[in-house]
Amino acid sequence: MTQQIPAAIFLLFGLGIIGTATAEPQDNTGTGGKGANTKRGFVWAAILPHGPDILIEVTRNPALMAETRHAMEEAGRRFAAARVDTVILIDPLLSHTQNSFEKKLLFKGEGTLPVGVAARAGGSMGGVKESFECDLTLAQMILDAGRAAGFPVTTDAGEDGLLPLVGGGLIPLWFTIRPLPTPRPKLVVIPPSPGVSRKALMRFGELLAEVASKSGKRVAIIASADQAHTHDPNHKRFGFSPAAAEFDAFYCKAIRENHLERLLDVTEKTLIDSWADSPWQTLVLAGALNAVPMQAD
């Protein structure tokens, strides 16, 4: 990319695009500038993809996503430099499970904002098991603030003290928290339902920024998000739609110009035809960036 700036890292992945962008707070406290590591609240933010072939442990063709893998490794280096205490992971789980590509419809049920309250979260990729300690104190602060503000927050206690994570949640952590020595940053997992209005998702992101600031901790927010899926006419499930390239170009432009809130204006038809899984998680991040401005790299 161009100039290196204090930023979080935004990695975009769709079947047709691979690229990187980073963003951290503009006061330069997150990456070694004057007053480094004294800032509290959000100090790092990211959009990271979750295509399984990014992982060496999973892929049958390491060259397939080598460029994206390299970018994810760079994200991990910048994450480590930010010296984060806790990661808030905006997980795409409900974007995947509540929307239905086969029925060509977006989720219309009651929207919720589940907050993980299990002691640990984890799962397996390529036969490799991993788990992460959860930040129950920060999770409870989010729940208390969310209820007070009227958001549809709920608790997710997982199973036997473990919050199950699949690829959408695990892959961003594989390159950020997982490589670090103990004690590693803790984790709060929030999979926003696409049934929550887009404007409410942005307001929730603003609330997360407020809670992070009050926590006294150095907090990162990661939106796990792939992009459009309908790029390939030979794909057995998704097939082809011109909306895929259109959505990806729109999304990239919103990041380059630092206006993620433009996702508020994407039509449901475009979302269905492109089958992007990024808008809901990204809008939570957009709200957080309203409260803590960052410059995309």
C-alpha atoms as a PDB file:
ATOM      1  CA  MET A   1       0.000   0.000   0.000  1.00  0.00           C
ATOM      2  CA  THR A   2       1.129   3.596   0.341  1.00  0.00           C
ATOM      3  CA  GLN A   3       2.125   5.506   3.485  1.00  0.00           C
ATOM      4  CA  GLN A   4       2.408   3.570   6.752  1.00  0.00           C
ATOM      5  CA  ILE A   5       0.131   5.229   9.315  1.00  0.00           C
ATOM      6  CA  PRO A   6      -1.159   4.453  12.779  1.00  0.00           C
ATOM      7  CA  ALA A   7      -4.166   2.354  11.858  1.00  0.00           C
ATOM      8  CA  ALA A   8      -6.090  -0.931  12.114  1.00  0.00           C
ATOM      9  CA  ILE A   9      -5.753  -3.441   9.316  1.00  0.00           C
ATOM     10  CA  PHE A  10      -8.595  -4.079   6.896  1.00  0.00           C
ATOM     11  CA  LEU A  11      -8.143  -7.210   4.801  1.00  0.00           C
ATOM     12  CA  LEU A  12     -10.715  -7.710   2.113  1.00  0.00           C
ATOM     13  CA  PHE A  13     -11.444 -11.102   0.633  1.00  0.00           C
ATOM     14  CA  GLY A  14     -13.959 -12.092  -1.957  1.00  0.00           C
ATOM     15  CA  LEU A  15     -13.722 -14.539  -4.807  1.00  0.00           C
ATOM     16  CA  GLY A  16     -12.666 -11.599  -6.944  1.00  0.00           C
ATOM     17  CA  ILE A  17     -10.634  -9.315  -4.649  1.00  0.00           C
ATOM     18  CA  ILE A  18      -7.655  -9.577  -2.383  1.00  0.00           C
ATOM     19  CA  GLY A  19      -6.255  -6.533  -0.640  1.00  0.00           C
ATOM     20  CA  THR A  20      -5.175  -4.939   2.603  1.00  0.00           C
ATOM     21  CA  ALA A  21      -5.883  -1.784   4.565  1.00  0.00           C
ATOM     22  CA  THR A  22      -4.903  -0.814   8.103  1.00  0.00           C
ATOM     23  CA  ALA A  23      -6.266   1.649  10.685  1.00  0.00           C
ATOM     24  CA  GLU A  24      -5.325   2.648  14.236  1.00  0.00           C
ATOM     25  CA  PRO A  25      -6.073   5.744  16.326  1.00  0.00           C
ATOM     26  CA  GLN A  26      -4.778   8.942  14.831  1.00  0.00           C
ATOM     27  CA  ASP A  27      -2.907  10.035  17.975  1.00  0.00           C
ATOM     28  CA  ASN A  28      -0.148   7.468  17.225  1.00  0.00           C
ATOM     29  CA  THR A  29      -0.317   5.833  20.662  1.00  0.00           C
ATOM     30  CA  GLY A  30      -0.975   2.360  19.337  1.00  0.00           C
ATOM     31  CA  THR A  31       2.162   1.640  17.301  1.00  0.00           C
ATOM     32  CA  GLY A  32       5.158   3.036  19.085  1.00  0.00           C
ATOM     33  CA  GLY A  33       4.729   6.789  18.805  1.00  0.00           C
ATOM     34  CA  LYS A  34       4.978   9.296  21.648  1.00  0.00           C
ATOM     35  CA  GLY A  35       2.931   8.007  24.559  1.00  0.00           C
ATOM     36  CA  ALA A  36       2.827   4.526  23.040  1.00  0.00           C
ATOM     37  CA  ASN A  37       0.702   1.987  24.885  1.00  0.00           C
ATOM     38  CA  THR A  38      -0.811   4.549  27.241  1.00  0.00           C
ATOM     39  CA  LYS A  39      -4.096   4.920  25.358  1.00  0.00           C
ATOM     40  CA  ARG A  40      -7.117   2.974  26.583  1.00  0.00           C
ATOM     41  CA  GLY A  41     -10.302   1.961  24.797  1.00  0.00           C
ATOM     42  CA  PHE A  42     -10.121   1.023  21.122  1.00  0.00           C
ATOM     43  CA  VAL A  43      -6.508   1.075  19.967  1.00  0.00           C
ATOM     44  CA  TRP A  44      -6.758  -1.179  16.902  1.00  0.00           C
ATOM     45  CA  ALA A  45      -9.472  -2.212  14.471  1.00  0.00           C
ATOM     46  CA  ALA A  46      -9.714  -4.629  11.605  1.00  0.00           C
ATOM     47  CA  ILE A  47     -11.754  -6.210   8.874  1.00  0.00           C
ATOM     48  CA  LEU A  48     -10.301  -9.694   8.433  1.00  0.00           C
ATOM     49  CA  PRO A  49     -11.466 -12.457   6.067  1.00  0.00           C
ATOM     50  CA  HIS A  50     -12.234 -16.049   6.939  1.00  0.00           C
ATOM     51  CA  GLY A  51     -11.783 -18.073   3.748  1.00  0.00           C
ATOM     52  CA  PRO A  52     -10.519 -21.507   4.903  1.00  0.00           C
ATOM     53  CA  ASP A  53      -7.772 -21.666   2.274  1.00  0.00           C
ATOM     54  CA  ILE A  54      -5.981 -18.822   4.042  1.00  0.00           C
ATOM     55  CA  LEU A  55      -4.818 -21.377   6.620  1.00  0.00           C
ATOM     56  CA  ILE A  56      -1.869 -23.615   5.777  1.00  0.00           C
ATOM     57  CA  GLU A  57      -3.425 -26.190   8.094  1.00  0.00           C
ATOM     58  CA  VAL A  58      -6.510 -26.387   5.858  1.00  0.00           C
ATOM     59  CA  THR A  59      -5.648 -25.570   2.261  1.00  0.00           C
ATOM     60  CA  ARG A  60      -4.766 -28.178  -0.357  1.00  0.00           C
ATOM     61  CA  ASN A  61      -3.206 -25.467  -2.529  1.00  0.00           C
ATOM     62  CA  PRO A  62      -0.979 -23.062  -0.556  1.00  0.00           C
ATOM     63  CA  ALA A  63      -0.570 -20.798  -3.601  1.00  0.00           C
ATOM     64  CA  LEU A  64      -4.314 -20.230  -3.885  1.00  0.00           C
ATOM     65  CA  MET A  65      -4.526 -17.527  -1.205  1.00  0.00           C
ATOM     66  CA  ALA A  66      -0.845 -16.807  -0.624  1.00  0.00           C
ATOM     67  CA  GLU A  67      -1.255 -13.049  -1.035  1.00  0.00           C
ATOM     68  CA  THR A  68      -4.119 -12.916   1.435  1.00  0.00           C
ATOM     69  CA  ARG A  69      -2.198 -15.136   3.859  1.00  0.00           C
ATOM     70  CA  HIS A  70       0.768 -12.751   3.668  1.00  0.00           C
ATOM     71  CA  ALA A  71      -1.538  -9.825   4.401  1.00  0.00           C
ATOM     72  CA  MET A  72      -3.035 -11.657   7.374  1.00  0.00           C
ATOM     73  CA  GLU A  73       0.452 -12.272   8.740  1.00  0.00           C
ATOM     74  CA  GLU A  74       1.131  -8.541   8.427  1.00  0.00           C
ATOM     75  CA  ALA A  75      -2.110  -7.889  10.283  1.00  0.00           C
ATOM     76  CA  GLY A  76      -0.834 -10.164  13.027  1.00  0.00           C
ATOM     77  CA  ARG A  77       2.418  -8.227  13.307  1.00  0.00           C
ATOM     78  CA  ARG A  78       0.593  -4.923  13.599  1.00  0.00           C
ATOM     79  CA  PHE A  79      -1.837  -6.421  16.086  1.00  0.00           C
ATOM     80  CA  ALA A  80       1.044  -7.599  18.259  1.00  0.00           C
ATOM     81  CA  ALA A  81       2.600  -4.125  18.151  1.00  0.00           C
ATOM     82  CA  ALA A  82      -0.637  -2.587  19.471  1.00  0.00           C
ATOM     83  CA  ARG A  83      -0.282  -4.534  22.762  1.00  0.00           C
ATOM     84  CA  VAL A  84      -3.986  -5.263  23.062  1.00  0.00           C
ATOM     85  CA  ASP A  85      -5.580  -6.506  26.297  1.00  0.00           C
ATOM     86  CA  THR A  86      -8.881  -7.728  24.835  1.00  0.00           C
ATOM     87  CA  VAL A  87     -10.296  -8.382  21.370  1.00  0.00           C
ATOM     88  CA  ILE A  88     -13.970  -7.833  20.594  1.00  0.00           C
ATOM     89  CA  LEU A  89     -14.631 -10.210  17.701  1.00  0.00           C
ATOM     90  CA  ILE A  90     -17.657  -9.394  15.544  1.00  0.00           C
ATOM     91  CA  ASP A  91     -18.374 -12.925  14.365  1.00  0.00           C
ATOM     92  CA  PRO A  92     -20.275 -13.679  11.095  1.00  0.00           C
ATOM     93  CA  LEU A  93     -21.962 -16.769  12.560  1.00  0.00           C
ATOM     94  CA  LEU A  94     -25.527 -15.418  12.400  1.00  0.00           C
ATOM     95  CA  SER A  95     -24.929 -13.720   9.049  1.00  0.00           C
ATOM     96  CA  HIS A  96     -24.159 -17.204   7.727  1.00  0.00           C
ATOM     97  CA  THR A  97     -26.854 -19.177   9.526  1.00  0.00           C
ATOM     98  CA  GLN A  98     -29.814 -16.798   9.591  1.00  0.00           C
ATOM     99  CA  ASN A  99     -29.613 -15.683   5.973  1.00  0.00           C
ATOM    100  CA  SER A 100     -30.537 -18.192   3.276  1.00  0.00           C
ATOM    101  CA  PHE A 101     -28.917 -18.086  -0.130  1.00  0.00           C
ATOM    102  CA  GLU A 102     -31.006 -21.003  -1.378  1.00  0.00           C
ATOM    103  CA  LYS A 103     -34.247 -19.160  -0.573  1.00  0.00           C
ATOM    104  CA  LYS A 104     -32.835 -15.834  -1.821  1.00  0.00           C
ATOM    105  CA  LEU A 105     -33.833 -13.975   1.314  1.00  0.00           C
ATOM    106  CA  LEU A 106     -32.248 -12.144   4.198  1.00  0.00           C
ATOM    107  CA  PHE A 107     -33.164 -12.990   7.758  1.00  0.00           C
ATOM    108  CA  LYS A 108     -36.450 -11.414   8.820  1.00  0.00           C
ATOM    109  CA  GLY A 109     -36.764 -12.755  12.358  1.00  0.00           C
ATOM    110  CA  GLU A 110     -36.234 -10.975  15.637  1.00  0.00           C
ATOM    111  CA  GLY A 111     -32.707  -9.609  15.705  1.00  0.00           C
ATOM    112  CA  THR A 112     -30.390 -10.231  18.643  1.00  0.00           C
ATOM    113  CA  LEU A 113     -26.886  -9.266  19.718  1.00  0.00           C
ATOM    114  CA  PRO A 114     -25.519 -12.304  21.580  1.00  0.00           C
ATOM    115  CA  VAL A 115     -22.522 -11.648  23.837  1.00  0.00           C
ATOM    116  CA  GLY A 116     -20.369 -14.629  24.770  1.00  0.00           C
ATOM    117  CA  VAL A 117     -20.095 -15.229  28.504  1.00  0.00           C
ATOM    118  CA  ALA A 118     -18.345 -18.622  28.495  1.00  0.00           C
ATOM    119  CA  ALA A 119     -14.966 -18.857  30.210  1.00  0.00           C
ATOM    120  CA  ARG A 120     -13.278 -19.806  26.943  1.00  0.00           C
ATOM    121  CA  ALA A 121     -14.030 -19.811  23.218  1.00  0.00           C
ATOM    122  CA  GLY A 122     -12.522 -22.096  20.626  1.00  0.00           C
ATOM    123  CA  GLY A 123     -12.748 -24.783  18.022  1.00  0.00           C
ATOM    124  CA  SER A 124     -10.701 -26.684  15.459  1.00  0.00           C
ATOM    125  CA  MET A 125      -9.216 -25.834  12.055  1.00  0.00           C
ATOM    126  CA  GLY A 126      -7.514 -28.500   9.977  1.00  0.00           C
ATOM    127  CA  GLY A 127      -7.478 -30.835  12.949  1.00  0.00           C
ATOM    128  CA  VAL A 128      -5.709 -28.250  15.121  1.00  0.00           C
ATOM    129  CA  LYS A 129      -7.639 -27.345  18.261  1.00  0.00           C
ATOM    130  CA  GLU A 130      -7.374 -23.917  19.849  1.00  0.00           C
ATOM    131  CA  SER A 131      -9.141 -22.054  22.621  1.00  0.00           C
ATOM    132  CA  PHE A 132      -8.964 -18.512  23.941  1.00  0.00           C
ATOM    133  CA  GLU A 133      -9.680 -17.069  27.362  1.00  0.00           C
ATOM    134  CA  CYS A 134     -12.727 -14.814  27.389  1.00  0.00           C
ATOM    135  CA  ASP A 135     -12.934 -11.426  29.088  1.00  0.00           C
ATOM    136  CA  LEU A 136     -16.020 -11.929  31.239  1.00  0.00           C
ATOM    137  CA  THR A 137     -15.664  -8.532  32.902  1.00  0.00           C
ATOM    138  CA  LEU A 138     -15.794  -6.646  29.602  1.00  0.00           C
ATOM    139  CA  ALA A 139     -18.573  -8.914  28.318  1.00  0.00           C
ATOM    140  CA  GLN A 140     -20.679  -8.064  31.356  1.00  0.00           C
ATOM    141  CA  MET A 141     -20.017  -4.347  30.883  1.00  0.00           C
ATOM    142  CA  ILE A 142     -21.254  -4.648  27.301  1.00  0.00           C
ATOM    143  CA  LEU A 143     -24.354  -6.524  28.407  1.00  0.00           C
ATOM    144  CA  ASP A 144     -25.160  -3.993  31.144  1.00  0.00           C
ATOM    145  CA  ALA A 145     -24.647  -1.005  28.838  1.00  0.00           C
ATOM    146  CA  GLY A 146     -26.557  -2.665  26.003  1.00  0.00           C
ATOM    147  CA  ARG A 147     -29.570  -3.450  28.175  1.00  0.00           C
ATOM    148  CA  ALA A 148     -29.583   0.051  29.621  1.00  0.00           C
ATOM    149  CA  ALA A 149     -29.567   1.502  26.109  1.00  0.00           C
ATOM    150  CA  GLY A 150     -32.354  -0.780  24.868  1.00  0.00           C
ATOM    151  CA  PHE A 151     -30.305  -2.997  22.539  1.00  0.00           C
ATOM    152  CA  PRO A 152     -31.448  -6.632  22.075  1.00  0.00           C
ATOM    153  CA  VAL A 153     -28.360  -8.053  23.783  1.00  0.00           C
ATOM    154  CA  THR A 154     -28.503 -11.646  25.001  1.00  0.00           C
ATOM    155  CA  THR A 155     -26.019 -13.963  26.696  1.00  0.00           C
ATOM    156  CA  ASP A 156     -24.385 -17.001  25.113  1.00  0.00           C
ATOM    157  CA  ALA A 157     -22.825 -19.314  27.702  1.00  0.00           C
ATOM    158  CA  GLY A 158     -21.648 -21.846  25.138  1.00  0.00           C
ATOM    159  CA  GLU A 159     -21.399 -25.520  26.007  1.00  0.00           C
ATOM    160  CA  ASP A 160     -19.685 -26.716  29.208  1.00  0.00           C
ATOM    161  CA  GLY A 161     -17.888 -23.418  29.627  1.00  0.00           C
ATOM    162  CA  LEU A 162     -16.682 -23.249  26.007  1.00  0.00           C
ATOM    163  CA  LEU A 163     -18.153 -20.973  23.351  1.00  0.00           C
ATOM    164  CA  PRO A 164     -17.876 -22.923  20.058  1.00  0.00           C
ATOM    165  CA  LEU A 165     -16.170 -21.069  17.206  1.00  0.00           C
ATOM    166  CA  VAL A 166     -16.139 -22.127  13.559  1.00  0.00           C
ATOM    167  CA  GLY A 167     -14.028 -20.750  10.712  1.00  0.00           C
ATOM    168  CA  GLY A 168     -15.669 -17.329  10.604  1.00  0.00           C
ATOM    169  CA  GLY A 169     -14.603 -16.700  14.173  1.00  0.00           C
ATOM    170  CA  LEU A 170     -11.411 -18.754  14.339  1.00  0.00           C
ATOM    171  CA  ILE A 171      -9.516 -17.668  11.231  1.00  0.00           C
ATOM    172  CA  PRO A 172      -9.026 -13.990  12.220  1.00  0.00           C
ATOM    173  CA  LEU A 173      -7.871 -15.168  15.669  1.00  0.00           C
ATOM    174  CA  TRP A 174      -5.439 -17.636  14.066  1.00  0.00           C
ATOM    175  CA  PHE A 175      -3.353 -14.677  12.880  1.00  0.00           C
ATOM    176  CA  THR A 176      -3.879 -12.250  15.783  1.00  0.00           C
ATOM    177  CA  ILE A 177      -4.275 -13.752  19.261  1.00  0.00           C
ATOM    178  CA  ARG A 178      -3.088 -17.305  18.537  1.00  0.00           C
ATOM    179  CA  PRO A 179       0.584 -16.555  17.643  1.00  0.00           C
ATOM    180  CA  LEU A 180       1.213 -14.492  20.788  1.00  0.00           C
ATOM    181  CA  PRO A 181       2.930 -15.810  23.913  1.00  0.00           C
ATOM    182  CA  THR A 182       0.972 -16.154  27.134  1.00  0.00           C
ATOM    183  CA  PRO A 183      -0.621 -14.267  28.712  1.00  0.00           C
ATOM    184  CA  ARG A 184      -2.457 -13.649  25.446  1.00  0.00           C
ATOM    185  CA  PRO A 185      -5.168 -11.043  24.887  1.00  0.00           C
ATOM    186  CA  LYS A 186      -8.603 -12.100  26.069  1.00  0.00           C
ATOM    187  CA  LEU A 187     -11.684 -12.307  23.877  1.00  0.00           C
ATOM    188  CA  VAL A 188     -15.303 -11.161  23.697  1.00  0.00           C
ATOM    189  CA  VAL A 189     -17.343 -12.785  20.893  1.00  0.00           C
ATOM    190  CA  ILE A 190     -20.428 -11.017  19.481  1.00  0.00           C
ATOM    191  CA  PRO A 191     -22.214 -12.417  16.385  1.00  0.00           C
ATOM    192  CA  PRO A 192     -24.735  -9.721  15.360  1.00  0.00           C
ATOM    193  CA  SER A 193     -27.981 -10.938  13.872  1.00  0.00           C
ATOM    194  CA  PRO A 194     -28.820  -9.540  10.419  1.00  0.00           C
ATOM    195  CA  GLY A 195     -32.301  -9.038  11.862  1.00  0.00           C
ATOM    196  CA  VAL A 196     -31.009  -6.025  13.821  1.00  0.00           C
ATOM    197  CA  SER A 197     -31.478  -2.852  11.784  1.00  0.00           C
ATOM    198  CA  ARG A 198     -28.364  -1.512  10.108  1.00  0.00           C
ATOM    199  CA  LYS A 199     -28.605   1.817  11.911  1.00  0.00           C
ATOM    200  CA  ALA A 200     -28.928   0.009  15.239  1.00  0.00           C
ATOM    201  CA  LEU A 201     -25.793  -1.994  14.434  1.00  0.00           C
ATOM    202  CA  MET A 202     -23.896   1.254  13.976  1.00  0.00           C
ATOM    203  CA  ARG A 203     -25.238   2.620  17.256  1.00  0.00           C
ATOM    204  CA  PHE A 204     -24.172  -0.611  18.946  1.00  0.00           C
ATOM    205  CA  GLY A 205     -20.656  -0.096  17.610  1.00  0.00           C
ATOM    206  CA  GLU A 206     -20.640   3.356  19.179  1.00  0.00           C
ATOM    207  CA  LEU A 207     -21.735   1.796  22.468  1.00  0.00           C
ATOM    208  CA  LEU A 208     -18.879  -0.728  22.235  1.00  0.00           C
ATOM    209  CA  ALA A 209     -16.426   2.136  21.862  1.00  0.00           C
ATOM    210  CA  GLU A 210     -17.866   3.831  24.943  1.00  0.00           C
ATOM    211  CA  VAL A 211     -17.669   0.643  27.004  1.00  0.00           C
ATOM    212  CA  ALA A 212     -14.118  -0.047  25.808  1.00  0.00           C
ATOM    213  CA  SER A 213     -13.068   3.426  26.894  1.00  0.00           C
ATOM    214  CA  LYS A 214     -14.607   2.983  30.353  1.00  0.00           C
ATOM    215  CA  SER A 215     -12.973  -0.430  30.770  1.00  0.00           C
ATOM    216  CA  GLY A 216      -9.506   1.032  31.180  1.00  0.00           C
ATOM    217  CA  LYS A 217      -8.196  -1.635  28.801  1.00  0.00           C
ATOM    218  CA  ARG A 218      -6.516  -1.535  25.412  1.00  0.00           C
ATOM    219  CA  VAL A 219      -9.173  -3.063  23.171  1.00  0.00           C
ATOM    220  CA  ALA A 220      -9.194  -4.182  19.541  1.00  0.00           C
ATOM    221  CA  ILE A 221     -12.315  -4.704  17.447  1.00  0.00           C
ATOM    222  CA  ILE A 222     -12.210  -7.187  14.574  1.00  0.00           C
ATOM    223  CA  ALA A 223     -15.009  -7.575  12.036  1.00  0.00           C
ATOM    224  CA  SER A 224     -14.686 -11.025  10.466  1.00  0.00           C
ATOM    225  CA  ALA A 225     -16.060 -10.523   6.962  1.00  0.00           C
ATOM    226  CA  ASP A 226     -15.754 -12.039   3.521  1.00  0.00           C
ATOM    227  CA  GLN A 227     -17.259 -10.273   0.532  1.00  0.00           C
ATOM    228  CA  ALA A 228     -19.441 -11.250  -2.428  1.00  0.00           C
ATOM    229  CA  HIS A 229     -19.733 -14.953  -3.227  1.00  0.00           C
ATOM    230  CA  THR A 230     -21.430 -14.974  -6.662  1.00  0.00           C
ATOM    231  CA  HIS A 231     -18.339 -14.448  -8.845  1.00  0.00           C
ATOM    232  CA  ASP A 232     -18.048 -17.874 -10.469  1.00  0.00           C
ATOM    233  CA  PRO A 233     -20.630 -19.239 -12.944  1.00  0.00           C
ATOM    234  CA  ASN A 234     -19.210 -22.720 -12.320  1.00  0.00           C
ATOM    235  CA  HIS A 235     -19.639 -22.576  -8.558  1.00  0.00           C
ATOM    236  CA  LYS A 236     -22.057 -25.332  -7.581  1.00  0.00           C
ATOM    237  CA  ARG A 237     -23.809 -23.347  -4.867  1.00  0.00           C
ATOM    238  CA  PHE A 238     -23.473 -19.618  -5.531  1.00  0.00           C
ATOM    239  CA  GLY A 239     -23.052 -19.284  -9.294  1.00  0.00           C
ATOM    240  CA  PHE A 240     -22.672 -15.883 -10.936  1.00  0.00           C
ATOM    241  CA  SER A 241     -24.230 -12.452 -10.610  1.00  0.00           C
ATOM    242  CA  PRO A 242     -22.819  -9.106 -11.788  1.00  0.00           C
ATOM    243  CA  ALA A 243     -23.852  -7.801  -8.381  1.00  0.00           C
ATOM    244  CA  ALA A 244     -20.798  -9.534  -6.888  1.00  0.00           C
ATOM    245  CA  ALA A 245     -18.238  -7.321  -8.615  1.00  0.00           C
ATOM    246  CA  GLU A 246     -20.447  -4.289  -8.073  1.00  0.00           C
ATOM    247  CA  PHE A 247     -20.707  -4.892  -4.337  1.00  0.00           C
ATOM    248  CA  ASP A 248     -16.994  -5.588  -3.929  1.00  0.00           C
ATOM    249  CA  ALA A 249     -16.082  -2.387  -5.750  1.00  0.00           C
ATOM    250  CA  PHE A 250     -18.548  -0.430  -3.615  1.00  0.00           C
ATOM    251  CA  TYR A 251     -17.149  -1.928  -0.402  1.00  0.00           C
ATOM    252  CA  CYS A 252     -13.526  -1.249  -1.363  1.00  0.00           C
ATOM    253  CA  LYS A 253     -14.349   2.355  -2.258  1.00  0.00           C
ATOM    254  CA  ALA A 254     -16.070   2.842   1.100  1.00  0.00           C
ATOM    255  CA  ILE A 255     -12.909   1.674   2.857  1.00  0.00           C
ATOM    256  CA  ARG A 256     -10.515   3.700   0.713  1.00  0.00           C
ATOM    257  CA  GLU A 257     -12.562   6.820   1.425  1.00  0.00           C
ATOM    258  CA  ASN A 258     -13.091   5.899   5.100  1.00  0.00           C
ATOM    259  CA  HIS A 259     -16.899   5.879   4.850  1.00  0.00           C
ATOM    260  CA  LEU A 260     -18.039   2.451   5.986  1.00  0.00           C
ATOM    261  CA  GLU A 261     -21.443   3.895   6.854  1.00  0.00           C
ATOM    262  CA  ARG A 262     -22.282   3.812   3.132  1.00  0.00           C
ATOM    263  CA  LEU A 263     -23.248   0.174   3.691  1.00  0.00           C
ATOM    264  CA  LEU A 264     -26.475   1.576   5.123  1.00  0.00           C
ATOM    265  CA  ASP A 265     -27.517   2.363   1.562  1.00  0.00           C
ATOM    266  CA  VAL A 266     -26.905  -1.024  -0.097  1.00  0.00           C
ATOM    267  CA  THR A 267     -30.184  -2.535  -1.287  1.00  0.00           C
ATOM    268  CA  GLU A 268     -31.354  -5.925  -0.067  1.00  0.00           C
ATOM    269  CA  LYS A 269     -31.451  -7.104  -3.690  1.00  0.00           C
ATOM    270  CA  THR A 270     -27.741  -6.326  -4.047  1.00  0.00           C
ATOM    271  CA  LEU A 271     -26.978  -8.177  -0.825  1.00  0.00           C
ATOM    272  CA  ILE A 272     -28.951 -11.228  -1.958  1.00  0.00           C
ATOM    273  CA  ASP A 273     -27.601 -11.245  -5.510  1.00  0.00           C
ATOM    274  CA  SER A 274     -23.972 -10.760  -4.416  1.00  0.00           C
ATOM    275  CA  TRP A 275     -24.352 -12.819  -1.247  1.00  0.00           C
ATOM    276  CA  ALA A 276     -21.819 -10.776   0.685  1.00  0.00           C
ATOM    277  CA  ASP A 277     -21.511 -11.670   4.340  1.00  0.00           C
ATOM    278  CA  SER A 278     -19.735  -8.469   5.408  1.00  0.00           C
ATOM    279  CA  PRO A 279     -22.305  -5.654   5.895  1.00  0.00           C
ATOM    280  CA  TRP A 280     -23.595  -6.484   9.377  1.00  0.00           C
ATOM    281  CA  GLN A 281     -20.229  -6.953  11.039  1.00  0.00           C
ATOM    282  CA  THR A 282     -18.772  -3.986   9.169  1.00  0.00           C
ATOM    283  CA  LEU A 283     -21.547  -1.656  10.312  1.00  0.00           C
ATOM    284  CA  VAL A 284     -20.789  -2.476  13.953  1.00  0.00           C
ATOM    285  CA  LEU A 285     -17.183  -1.530  13.201  1.00  0.00           C
ATOM    286  CA  ALA A 286     -18.365   1.620  11.394  1.00  0.00           C
ATOM    287  CA  GLY A 287     -20.162   2.747  14.536  1.00  0.00           C
ATOM    288  CA  ALA A 288     -17.063   2.135  16.628  1.00  0.00           C
ATOM    289  CA  LEU A 289     -15.002   4.211  14.193  1.00  0.00           C
ATOM    290  CA  ASN A 290     -17.497   7.046  14.483  1.00  0.00           C
ATOM    291  CA  ALA A 291     -16.603   7.220  18.164  1.00  0.00           C
ATOM    292  CA  VAL A 292     -12.878   6.528  17.727  1.00  0.00           C
ATOM    293  CA  PRO A 293     -11.815   7.898  14.319  1.00  0.00           C
ATOM    294  CA  MET A 294      -9.171   5.877  12.522  1.00  0.00           C
ATOM    295  CA  GLN A 295      -7.560   6.156   9.122  1.00  0.00           C
ATOM    296  CA  ALA A 296      -7.732   3.126   6.868  1.00  0.00           C
ATOM    297  CA  ASP A 297      -4.434   1.886   5.417  1.00  0.00           C
END
